[in-house]
Amino acid sequence: MKRLISLVFGIAFSFVGLLHFKNESNFTRIVPAYLPFKKTAVIVTGIIECVFGILLMVKQPTTCLKNAISAFLCAVFPANIYMARKQLPLGDKTLSPWILYLRLPMQFLLIAVIRKL
């Protein structure tokens, strides 16, 4: 079961990482206004997500990888808060404010699942 979850997360991280390049402007929009170098941040986080995705797909994650993914998810959490506060669309889809705020605790659930792999 852990291997299946690791594969699903690997595919998801890879897919979202690739979206950073395909739809860069959508991701740039949710980078908080107080951060500089928005495009660079989007590209770097896209690369990191792709690397995490590949690592999750090829092998069972080590403690080091789990820690790195958890730290990464905490680091990008401000973008989720910013998106919810500003009620920014997800790509071309406008989401209900309650969905945007529901995404916030889901980030911690994702971290908890990663830690259990």
C-alpha atoms as a PDB file:
ATOM      1  CA  MET A   1       0.000   0.000   0.000  1.00  0.00           C
ATOM      2  CA  LYS A   2       2.822   2.411   0.845  1.00  0.00           C
ATOM      3  CA  ARG A   3       4.375   1.751  -2.544  1.00  0.00           C
ATOM      4  CA  LEU A   4       1.085   2.549  -4.299  1.00  0.00           C
ATOM      5  CA  ILE A   5       0.702   5.802  -2.352  1.00  0.00           C
ATOM      6  CA  SER A   6       4.311   6.688  -3.147  1.00  0.00           C
ATOM      7  CA  LEU A   7       3.647   6.092  -6.868  1.00  0.00           C
ATOM      8  CA  VAL A   8       0.451   8.171  -6.821  1.00  0.00           C
ATOM      9  CA  PHE A   9       2.234  11.017  -5.039  1.00  0.00           C
ATOM     10  CA  GLY A  10       5.163  10.703  -7.437  1.00  0.00           C
ATOM     11  CA  ILE A  11       2.872  11.038 -10.433  1.00  0.00           C
ATOM     12  CA  ALA A  12       1.041  13.961  -8.812  1.00  0.00           C
ATOM     13  CA  PHE A  13       4.252  15.836  -7.925  1.00  0.00           C
ATOM     14  CA  SER A  14       5.631  15.262 -11.426  1.00  0.00           C
ATOM     15  CA  PHE A  15       2.418  16.416 -13.089  1.00  0.00           C
ATOM     16  CA  VAL A  16       2.144  19.574 -10.983  1.00  0.00           C
ATOM     17  CA  GLY A  17       5.854  20.249 -11.462  1.00  0.00           C
ATOM     18  CA  LEU A  18       5.443  20.105 -15.228  1.00  0.00           C
ATOM     19  CA  LEU A  19       2.445  22.434 -14.999  1.00  0.00           C
ATOM     20  CA  HIS A  20       4.806  25.043 -13.510  1.00  0.00           C
ATOM     21  CA  PHE A  21       6.403  25.244 -16.961  1.00  0.00           C
ATOM     22  CA  LYS A  22       3.316  24.779 -19.113  1.00  0.00           C
ATOM     23  CA  ASN A  23       1.182  27.308 -17.183  1.00  0.00           C
ATOM     24  CA  GLU A  24       3.869  29.433 -15.554  1.00  0.00           C
ATOM     25  CA  SER A  25       1.667  32.552 -15.387  1.00  0.00           C
ATOM     26  CA  ASN A  26      -0.971  30.708 -13.313  1.00  0.00           C
ATOM     27  CA  PHE A  27       1.637  29.819 -10.711  1.00  0.00           C
ATOM     28  CA  THR A  28       3.330  33.237 -10.812  1.00  0.00           C
ATOM     29  CA  ARG A  29      -0.020  34.805  -9.909  1.00  0.00           C
ATOM     30  CA  ILE A  30      -0.202  32.925  -6.582  1.00  0.00           C
ATOM     31  CA  VAL A  31       3.315  33.828  -5.428  1.00  0.00           C
ATOM     32  CA  PRO A  32       2.781  36.354  -2.610  1.00  0.00           C
ATOM     33  CA  ALA A  33       3.291  39.967  -3.671  1.00  0.00           C
ATOM     34  CA  TYR A  34       6.033  40.545  -1.098  1.00  0.00           C
ATOM     35  CA  LEU A  35       8.338  37.943  -2.701  1.00  0.00           C
ATOM     36  CA  PRO A  36      10.768  38.992  -5.439  1.00  0.00           C
ATOM     37  CA  PHE A  37      11.740  36.925  -8.495  1.00  0.00           C
ATOM     38  CA  LYS A  38       8.324  35.320  -8.925  1.00  0.00           C
ATOM     39  CA  LYS A  39       9.073  33.623 -12.231  1.00  0.00           C
ATOM     40  CA  THR A  40      12.312  32.190 -10.840  1.00  0.00           C
ATOM     41  CA  ALA A  41      10.452  30.909  -7.777  1.00  0.00           C
ATOM     42  CA  VAL A  42       7.908  29.170 -10.011  1.00  0.00           C
ATOM     43  CA  ILE A  43      10.609  27.567 -12.158  1.00  0.00           C
ATOM     44  CA  VAL A  44      12.659  26.413  -9.151  1.00  0.00           C
ATOM     45  CA  THR A  45       9.624  24.967  -7.361  1.00  0.00           C
ATOM     46  CA  GLY A  46       8.592  23.235 -10.588  1.00  0.00           C
ATOM     47  CA  ILE A  47      12.003  21.597 -10.869  1.00  0.00           C
ATOM     48  CA  ILE A  48      11.899  20.557  -7.211  1.00  0.00           C
ATOM     49  CA  GLU A  49       8.435  19.025  -7.620  1.00  0.00           C
ATOM     50  CA  CYS A  50       9.563  17.086 -10.697  1.00  0.00           C
ATOM     51  CA  VAL A  51      12.625  15.758  -8.837  1.00  0.00           C
ATOM     52  CA  PHE A  52      10.469  14.741  -5.856  1.00  0.00           C
ATOM     53  CA  GLY A  53       8.007  13.080  -8.201  1.00  0.00           C
ATOM     54  CA  ILE A  54      10.687  11.059  -9.951  1.00  0.00           C
ATOM     55  CA  LEU A  55      12.271  10.007  -6.668  1.00  0.00           C
ATOM     56  CA  LEU A  56       8.903   8.920  -5.266  1.00  0.00           C
ATOM     57  CA  MET A  57       8.223   6.849  -8.387  1.00  0.00           C
ATOM     58  CA  VAL A  58      11.575   5.047  -8.558  1.00  0.00           C
ATOM     59  CA  LYS A  59      12.064   4.056  -4.935  1.00  0.00           C
ATOM     60  CA  GLN A  60      10.531   4.025  -1.505  1.00  0.00           C
ATOM     61  CA  PRO A  61      11.255   7.427   0.089  1.00  0.00           C
ATOM     62  CA  THR A  62      14.015   7.707   2.646  1.00  0.00           C
ATOM     63  CA  THR A  63      13.699   9.765   5.812  1.00  0.00           C
ATOM     64  CA  CYS A  64      15.786  12.462   4.129  1.00  0.00           C
ATOM     65  CA  LEU A  65      13.392  12.649   1.162  1.00  0.00           C
ATOM     66  CA  LYS A  66      10.354  12.726   3.455  1.00  0.00           C
ATOM     67  CA  ASN A  67      11.929  15.590   5.410  1.00  0.00           C
ATOM     68  CA  ALA A  68      12.756  17.466   2.211  1.00  0.00           C
ATOM     69  CA  ILE A  69       9.217  17.080   0.843  1.00  0.00           C
ATOM     70  CA  SER A  70       7.713  18.161   4.180  1.00  0.00           C
ATOM     71  CA  ALA A  71       9.963  21.229   4.296  1.00  0.00           C
ATOM     72  CA  PHE A  72       9.095  22.056   0.693  1.00  0.00           C
ATOM     73  CA  LEU A  73       5.360  21.806   1.382  1.00  0.00           C
ATOM     74  CA  CYS A  74       5.797  24.153   4.349  1.00  0.00           C
ATOM     75  CA  ALA A  75       7.833  26.553   2.205  1.00  0.00           C
ATOM     76  CA  VAL A  76       5.134  26.827  -0.467  1.00  0.00           C
ATOM     77  CA  PHE A  77       2.316  27.088   2.087  1.00  0.00           C
ATOM     78  CA  PRO A  78       2.351  30.933   1.983  1.00  0.00           C
ATOM     79  CA  ALA A  79       1.308  30.739  -1.686  1.00  0.00           C
ATOM     80  CA  ASN A  80      -1.758  28.716  -0.660  1.00  0.00           C
ATOM     81  CA  ILE A  81      -2.602  31.246   2.049  1.00  0.00           C
ATOM     82  CA  TYR A  82      -2.120  34.126  -0.408  1.00  0.00           C
ATOM     83  CA  MET A  83      -4.326  32.387  -2.965  1.00  0.00           C
ATOM     84  CA  ALA A  84      -7.099  31.878  -0.391  1.00  0.00           C
ATOM     85  CA  ARG A  85      -6.890  35.414   1.040  1.00  0.00           C
ATOM     86  CA  LYS A  86      -6.928  37.034  -2.400  1.00  0.00           C
ATOM     87  CA  GLN A  87      -9.421  34.466  -3.752  1.00  0.00           C
ATOM     88  CA  LEU A  88      -7.278  33.907  -6.812  1.00  0.00           C
ATOM     89  CA  PRO A  89      -8.460  31.505  -9.507  1.00  0.00           C
ATOM     90  CA  LEU A  90      -6.785  28.158 -10.038  1.00  0.00           C
ATOM     91  CA  GLY A  91      -5.722  28.611 -13.639  1.00  0.00           C
ATOM     92  CA  ASP A  92      -8.857  29.707 -15.454  1.00  0.00           C
ATOM     93  CA  LYS A  93     -11.198  28.230 -12.834  1.00  0.00           C
ATOM     94  CA  THR A  94     -12.629  30.425 -10.099  1.00  0.00           C
ATOM     95  CA  LEU A  95     -12.994  28.398  -6.929  1.00  0.00           C
ATOM     96  CA  SER A  96     -15.328  28.981  -4.033  1.00  0.00           C
ATOM     97  CA  PRO A  97     -13.599  30.666  -1.077  1.00  0.00           C
ATOM     98  CA  TRP A  98     -14.369  27.679   1.150  1.00  0.00           C
ATOM     99  CA  ILE A  99     -12.520  25.384  -1.283  1.00  0.00           C
ATOM    100  CA  LEU A 100      -9.524  27.708  -1.281  1.00  0.00           C
ATOM    101  CA  TYR A 101      -9.465  27.685   2.524  1.00  0.00           C
ATOM    102  CA  LEU A 102     -10.059  23.913   2.672  1.00  0.00           C
ATOM    103  CA  ARG A 103      -6.817  23.473   0.719  1.00  0.00           C
ATOM    104  CA  LEU A 104      -4.869  24.903   3.667  1.00  0.00           C
ATOM    105  CA  PRO A 105      -5.338  22.055   6.173  1.00  0.00           C
ATOM    106  CA  MET A 106      -5.047  19.582   3.294  1.00  0.00           C
ATOM    107  CA  GLN A 107      -1.397  20.641   2.988  1.00  0.00           C
ATOM    108  CA  PHE A 108      -0.754  19.327   6.513  1.00  0.00           C
ATOM    109  CA  LEU A 109      -2.635  16.120   5.748  1.00  0.00           C
ATOM    110  CA  LEU A 110      -0.373  15.678   2.728  1.00  0.00           C
ATOM    111  CA  ILE A 111       2.686  16.158   4.947  1.00  0.00           C
ATOM    112  CA  ALA A 112       1.326  13.593   7.434  1.00  0.00           C
ATOM    113  CA  VAL A 113       0.805  11.014   4.678  1.00  0.00           C
ATOM    114  CA  ILE A 114       4.284  11.638   3.257  1.00  0.00           C
ATOM    115  CA  ARG A 115       5.792  11.151   6.715  1.00  0.00           C
ATOM    116  CA  LYS A 116       4.073   7.733   6.995  1.00  0.00           C
ATOM    117  CA  LEU A 117       5.443   6.367   3.713  1.00  0.00           C
END
